Amino acid sequence: MNNKSILIVEDDLGVLEIYKIGLKIEGYKGKFASSKEQAEKYLNENFDYAILDGLEGDCFELYNKVKAQKKFIVSGDQSILDKCEEKGLKYFLKPISLSEILK
């Protein structure tokens, strides 16, 4: 069992639940939020990883505030991915599998 902590922000509740179950099985300590507002209550915590849904652009403000060793934005919205590229941020294109996240 690992001791890694992860913050997942995902507005699709079905996808968020899959992440919760899978990461728990893999031994991750997770915090999960379905909106920027919910995620803000975790901003004072430190994480090993943070995976942020595009949240229609709200991800950029969160990205700058979240304390994590490694941060990623996951989105299916090309304009968000283009902004990630412009800003030099790491990102993944949706859909992304739990196994890809765990890599």
C-alpha atoms as a PDB file:
ATOM      1  CA  MET A   1       0.000   0.000   0.000  1.00  0.00           C
ATOM      2  CA  ASN A   2       1.365   3.425  -0.897  1.00  0.00           C
ATOM      3  CA  ASN A   3       1.028   6.638   1.078  1.00  0.00           C
ATOM      4  CA  LYS A   4       0.546   8.979  -1.869  1.00  0.00           C
ATOM      5  CA  SER A   5      -2.104  11.667  -1.641  1.00  0.00           C
ATOM      6  CA  ILE A   6      -4.087  12.953  -4.569  1.00  0.00           C
ATOM      7  CA  LEU A   7      -6.638  15.664  -5.241  1.00  0.00           C
ATOM      8  CA  ILE A   8      -9.116  14.968  -8.025  1.00  0.00           C
ATOM      9  CA  VAL A   9     -11.479  17.676  -9.259  1.00  0.00           C
ATOM     10  CA  GLU A  10     -14.010  16.350 -11.768  1.00  0.00           C
ATOM     11  CA  ASP A  11     -17.485  17.715 -12.478  1.00  0.00           C
ATOM     12  CA  ASP A  12     -18.808  14.460 -13.968  1.00  0.00           C
ATOM     13  CA  LEU A  13     -20.004  12.647 -10.832  1.00  0.00           C
ATOM     14  CA  GLY A  14     -19.881   9.203 -12.491  1.00  0.00           C
ATOM     15  CA  VAL A  15     -16.246   9.669 -13.504  1.00  0.00           C
ATOM     16  CA  LEU A  16     -15.420  11.078 -10.069  1.00  0.00           C
ATOM     17  CA  GLU A  17     -16.871   7.973  -8.412  1.00  0.00           C
ATOM     18  CA  ILE A  18     -14.784   5.698 -10.642  1.00  0.00           C
ATOM     19  CA  TYR A  19     -11.658   7.635  -9.635  1.00  0.00           C
ATOM     20  CA  LYS A  20     -12.606   7.363  -5.946  1.00  0.00           C
ATOM     21  CA  ILE A  21     -13.063   3.601  -6.071  1.00  0.00           C
ATOM     22  CA  GLY A  22     -10.015   2.875  -8.219  1.00  0.00           C
ATOM     23  CA  LEU A  23      -7.639   5.081  -6.276  1.00  0.00           C
ATOM     24  CA  LYS A  24      -8.819   3.668  -2.961  1.00  0.00           C
ATOM     25  CA  ILE A  25      -8.133   0.144  -4.264  1.00  0.00           C
ATOM     26  CA  GLU A  26      -4.629   1.275  -5.282  1.00  0.00           C
ATOM     27  CA  GLY A  27      -4.005   2.680  -1.801  1.00  0.00           C
ATOM     28  CA  TYR A  28      -4.086   6.394  -2.538  1.00  0.00           C
ATOM     29  CA  LYS A  29      -5.358   8.835   0.045  1.00  0.00           C
ATOM     30  CA  GLY A  30      -7.668  11.048  -1.930  1.00  0.00           C
ATOM     31  CA  LYS A  31      -9.664  14.213  -1.694  1.00  0.00           C
ATOM     32  CA  PHE A  32     -12.360  14.612  -4.296  1.00  0.00           C
ATOM     33  CA  ALA A  33     -14.354  17.614  -5.462  1.00  0.00           C
ATOM     34  CA  SER A  34     -16.900  18.148  -8.206  1.00  0.00           C
ATOM     35  CA  SER A  35     -16.441  21.920  -8.544  1.00  0.00           C
ATOM     36  CA  LYS A  36     -13.921  24.701  -8.085  1.00  0.00           C
ATOM     37  CA  GLU A  37     -15.791  25.822  -4.976  1.00  0.00           C
ATOM     38  CA  GLN A  38     -15.584  22.362  -3.387  1.00  0.00           C
ATOM     39  CA  ALA A  39     -11.899  22.067  -4.287  1.00  0.00           C
ATOM     40  CA  GLU A  40     -11.075  25.374  -2.613  1.00  0.00           C
ATOM     41  CA  LYS A  41     -11.576  23.817   0.833  1.00  0.00           C
ATOM     42  CA  TYR A  42      -8.499  21.643   0.147  1.00  0.00           C
ATOM     43  CA  LEU A  43      -6.158  24.456  -0.956  1.00  0.00           C
ATOM     44  CA  ASN A  44      -4.246  24.510   2.337  1.00  0.00           C
ATOM     45  CA  GLU A  45      -3.403  20.806   2.092  1.00  0.00           C
ATOM     46  CA  ASN A  46      -0.340  19.376   0.360  1.00  0.00           C
ATOM     47  CA  PHE A  47      -0.738  16.610  -2.202  1.00  0.00           C
ATOM     48  CA  ASP A  48       1.606  14.416  -4.164  1.00  0.00           C
ATOM     49  CA  TYR A  49      -0.645  14.748  -7.220  1.00  0.00           C
ATOM     50  CA  ALA A  50      -3.525  16.918  -8.385  1.00  0.00           C
ATOM     51  CA  ILE A  51      -5.680  16.101 -11.386  1.00  0.00           C
ATOM     52  CA  LEU A  52      -7.989  18.930 -12.367  1.00  0.00           C
ATOM     53  CA  ASP A  53     -10.846  18.765 -14.816  1.00  0.00           C
ATOM     54  CA  GLY A  54     -10.955  21.690 -17.236  1.00  0.00           C
ATOM     55  CA  LEU A  55     -14.055  23.052 -15.455  1.00  0.00           C
ATOM     56  CA  GLU A  56     -14.699  25.405 -18.358  1.00  0.00           C
ATOM     57  CA  GLY A  57     -11.553  27.396 -17.603  1.00  0.00           C
ATOM     58  CA  ASP A  58     -11.777  27.452 -13.792  1.00  0.00           C
ATOM     59  CA  CYS A  59      -8.935  24.924 -13.701  1.00  0.00           C
ATOM     60  CA  PHE A  60      -6.310  27.607 -14.305  1.00  0.00           C
ATOM     61  CA  GLU A  61      -7.085  29.507 -11.119  1.00  0.00           C
ATOM     62  CA  LEU A  62      -7.099  26.223  -9.171  1.00  0.00           C
ATOM     63  CA  TYR A  63      -3.877  25.060 -10.824  1.00  0.00           C
ATOM     64  CA  ASN A  64      -2.046  28.061  -9.437  1.00  0.00           C
ATOM     65  CA  LYS A  65      -3.443  27.615  -5.921  1.00  0.00           C
ATOM     66  CA  VAL A  66      -3.227  23.845  -5.421  1.00  0.00           C
ATOM     67  CA  LYS A  67      -0.159  22.642  -3.544  1.00  0.00           C
ATOM     68  CA  ALA A  68       0.980  19.455  -5.263  1.00  0.00           C
ATOM     69  CA  GLN A  69       4.296  18.021  -6.416  1.00  0.00           C
ATOM     70  CA  LYS A  70       2.785  17.087  -9.774  1.00  0.00           C
ATOM     71  CA  LYS A  71      -0.287  18.735 -11.289  1.00  0.00           C
ATOM     72  CA  PHE A  72      -2.225  17.926 -14.426  1.00  0.00           C
ATOM     73  CA  ILE A  73      -5.250  19.292 -16.219  1.00  0.00           C
ATOM     74  CA  VAL A  74      -7.555  16.813 -17.908  1.00  0.00           C
ATOM     75  CA  SER A  75     -10.017  18.108 -20.480  1.00  0.00           C
ATOM     76  CA  GLY A  76     -11.824  17.308 -23.676  1.00  0.00           C
ATOM     77  CA  ASP A  77     -12.135  20.992 -24.546  1.00  0.00           C
ATOM     78  CA  GLN A  78      -9.533  21.929 -27.146  1.00  0.00           C
ATOM     79  CA  SER A  79      -9.475  25.606 -26.146  1.00  0.00           C
ATOM     80  CA  ILE A  80      -8.506  24.636 -22.580  1.00  0.00           C
ATOM     81  CA  LEU A  81      -5.805  22.310 -23.874  1.00  0.00           C
ATOM     82  CA  ASP A  82      -4.503  25.086 -26.133  1.00  0.00           C
ATOM     83  CA  LYS A  83      -4.257  27.396 -23.098  1.00  0.00           C
ATOM     84  CA  CYS A  84      -2.437  24.663 -21.173  1.00  0.00           C
ATOM     85  CA  GLU A  85       0.072  24.427 -23.985  1.00  0.00           C
ATOM     86  CA  GLU A  86       0.494  28.216 -24.118  1.00  0.00           C
ATOM     87  CA  LYS A  87       1.112  28.315 -20.355  1.00  0.00           C
ATOM     88  CA  GLY A  88       3.415  25.280 -20.366  1.00  0.00           C
ATOM     89  CA  LEU A  89       1.104  23.238 -18.148  1.00  0.00           C
ATOM     90  CA  LYS A  90       0.920  19.446 -18.232  1.00  0.00           C
ATOM     91  CA  TYR A  91      -2.369  18.116 -19.538  1.00  0.00           C
ATOM     92  CA  PHE A  92      -4.176  15.032 -20.774  1.00  0.00           C
ATOM     93  CA  LEU A  93      -6.961  14.724 -23.309  1.00  0.00           C
ATOM     94  CA  LYS A  94     -10.210  13.118 -22.166  1.00  0.00           C
ATOM     95  CA  PRO A  95     -11.233  10.407 -22.005  1.00  0.00           C
ATOM     96  CA  ILE A  96      -8.434   9.257 -19.708  1.00  0.00           C
ATOM     97  CA  SER A  97      -8.418   5.909 -17.973  1.00  0.00           C
ATOM     98  CA  LEU A  98      -7.602   5.279 -14.349  1.00  0.00           C
ATOM     99  CA  SER A  99      -4.582   3.244 -15.460  1.00  0.00           C
ATOM    100  CA  GLU A 100      -3.233   6.283 -17.333  1.00  0.00           C
ATOM    101  CA  ILE A 101      -3.655   8.402 -14.214  1.00  0.00           C
ATOM    102  CA  LEU A 102      -1.812   5.859 -12.124  1.00  0.00           C
ATOM    103  CA  LYS A 103       1.215   5.977 -14.460  1.00  0.00           C
END
